[in-house]
N, C-alpha and C. Protein backbone atom coordinates (compact mmCIF):
# COMPACT_ATOMS: atom_id res chain seq x y z
N MET A 1 0.82 -1.19 0.00
CA MET A 1 0.00 0.00 0.00
C MET A 1 0.87 1.25 0.00
N GLU A 2 1.97 1.18 0.70
CA GLU A 2 2.82 2.35 0.83
C GLU A 2 3.56 2.66 -0.45
N GLU A 3 3.67 1.70 -1.34
CA GLU A 3 4.44 1.90 -2.57
C GLU A 3 3.57 2.18 -3.80
N LEU A 4 2.29 2.45 -3.60
CA LEU A 4 1.39 2.68 -4.73
C LEU A 4 1.65 4.01 -5.44
N ARG A 5 2.17 4.99 -4.73
CA ARG A 5 2.46 6.31 -5.30
C ARG A 5 1.23 6.94 -5.92
N LEU A 6 0.18 7.01 -5.17
CA LEU A 6 -1.05 7.65 -5.63
C LEU A 6 -0.86 9.16 -5.63
N ASP A 7 -1.65 9.86 -6.44
CA ASP A 7 -1.57 11.31 -6.54
C ASP A 7 -2.03 11.94 -5.22
N GLU A 8 -1.13 12.60 -4.52
CA GLU A 8 -1.45 13.15 -3.21
C GLU A 8 -2.48 14.26 -3.29
N ASP A 9 -2.46 15.07 -4.34
CA ASP A 9 -3.47 16.11 -4.50
C ASP A 9 -4.86 15.50 -4.62
N PHE A 10 -4.98 14.47 -5.41
CA PHE A 10 -6.26 13.78 -5.55
C PHE A 10 -6.69 13.19 -4.20
N MET A 11 -5.76 12.55 -3.52
CA MET A 11 -6.09 11.89 -2.26
C MET A 11 -6.61 12.89 -1.22
N HIS A 12 -6.11 14.12 -1.24
CA HIS A 12 -6.54 15.11 -0.25
C HIS A 12 -7.75 15.91 -0.71
N ASP A 13 -7.86 16.17 -2.01
CA ASP A 13 -8.91 17.07 -2.50
C ASP A 13 -10.17 16.35 -2.98
N GLU A 14 -10.02 15.21 -3.61
CA GLU A 14 -11.16 14.58 -4.27
C GLU A 14 -11.54 13.21 -3.73
N PHE A 15 -10.68 12.58 -2.98
CA PHE A 15 -10.95 11.25 -2.46
C PHE A 15 -12.08 11.31 -1.44
N ASN A 16 -13.06 10.44 -1.57
CA ASN A 16 -14.24 10.44 -0.71
C ASN A 16 -14.09 9.40 0.40
N ASN A 17 -13.59 9.86 1.55
CA ASN A 17 -13.37 8.97 2.69
C ASN A 17 -14.67 8.37 3.20
N ASP A 18 -15.72 9.18 3.25
CA ASP A 18 -17.00 8.70 3.78
C ASP A 18 -17.55 7.55 2.94
N ARG A 19 -17.43 7.67 1.64
CA ARG A 19 -17.91 6.60 0.76
C ARG A 19 -17.10 5.33 0.97
N LEU A 20 -15.79 5.48 1.13
CA LEU A 20 -14.94 4.32 1.35
C LEU A 20 -15.29 3.62 2.66
N VAL A 21 -15.50 4.40 3.70
CA VAL A 21 -15.88 3.82 5.00
C VAL A 21 -17.22 3.10 4.89
N ASN A 22 -18.14 3.67 4.13
CA ASN A 22 -19.44 3.03 3.90
C ASN A 22 -19.26 1.69 3.19
N TYR A 23 -18.44 1.67 2.16
CA TYR A 23 -18.18 0.43 1.44
C TYR A 23 -17.51 -0.61 2.34
N LEU A 24 -16.59 -0.17 3.17
CA LEU A 24 -15.92 -1.10 4.09
C LEU A 24 -16.92 -1.75 5.04
N ALA A 25 -17.86 -0.97 5.51
CA ALA A 25 -18.88 -1.51 6.42
C ALA A 25 -19.74 -2.56 5.71
N ARG A 26 -20.05 -2.30 4.45
CA ARG A 26 -20.86 -3.25 3.68
C ARG A 26 -20.10 -4.55 3.39
N ILE A 27 -18.83 -4.41 3.07
CA ILE A 27 -18.02 -5.57 2.68
C ILE A 27 -17.63 -6.40 3.89
N ASP A 28 -17.30 -5.72 5.00
CA ASP A 28 -16.94 -6.38 6.26
C ASP A 28 -15.80 -7.39 6.07
N ASN A 29 -14.66 -6.88 5.61
CA ASN A 29 -13.49 -7.71 5.38
C ASN A 29 -12.32 -7.13 6.17
N LYS A 30 -11.83 -7.87 7.16
CA LYS A 30 -10.80 -7.36 8.07
C LYS A 30 -9.49 -7.05 7.34
N SER A 31 -9.09 -7.86 6.40
CA SER A 31 -7.82 -7.60 5.70
C SER A 31 -7.93 -6.34 4.84
N LEU A 32 -9.09 -6.12 4.23
CA LEU A 32 -9.30 -4.90 3.45
C LEU A 32 -9.30 -3.68 4.36
N GLU A 33 -9.94 -3.80 5.52
CA GLU A 33 -9.94 -2.70 6.48
C GLU A 33 -8.52 -2.34 6.91
N LYS A 34 -7.69 -3.34 7.11
CA LYS A 34 -6.29 -3.10 7.49
C LYS A 34 -5.55 -2.35 6.38
N ARG A 35 -5.78 -2.72 5.14
CA ARG A 35 -5.13 -2.04 4.02
C ARG A 35 -5.61 -0.60 3.89
N VAL A 36 -6.89 -0.39 4.09
CA VAL A 36 -7.43 0.97 4.00
C VAL A 36 -6.88 1.84 5.13
N LYS A 37 -6.76 1.29 6.32
CA LYS A 37 -6.17 2.04 7.43
C LYS A 37 -4.73 2.43 7.11
N THR A 38 -3.99 1.52 6.49
CA THR A 38 -2.62 1.84 6.07
C THR A 38 -2.63 2.95 5.04
N LEU A 39 -3.51 2.87 4.07
CA LEU A 39 -3.64 3.90 3.04
C LEU A 39 -3.95 5.26 3.66
N MET A 40 -4.89 5.28 4.61
CA MET A 40 -5.26 6.55 5.25
C MET A 40 -4.11 7.10 6.09
N LYS A 41 -3.36 6.23 6.70
CA LYS A 41 -2.22 6.67 7.51
C LYS A 41 -1.12 7.25 6.61
N VAL A 42 -0.82 6.57 5.52
CA VAL A 42 0.24 7.00 4.62
C VAL A 42 -0.08 8.36 4.00
N TYR A 43 -1.34 8.55 3.61
CA TYR A 43 -1.73 9.80 2.94
C TYR A 43 -2.36 10.80 3.91
N ASP A 44 -2.30 10.52 5.22
CA ASP A 44 -2.79 11.43 6.25
C ASP A 44 -4.22 11.89 5.94
N LEU A 45 -5.10 10.91 5.76
CA LEU A 45 -6.50 11.21 5.41
C LEU A 45 -7.40 11.19 6.63
């Protein structure tokens, strides 16, 4: 996750955290939640 090199401007300006959290709740997958938490930590979301 840390090596994806996503566009930081997009991640801060346009990325929809609320929608992602909603999807995570629907999917209910612990490994995916762990990856998303890493993504949010890396990009300070």
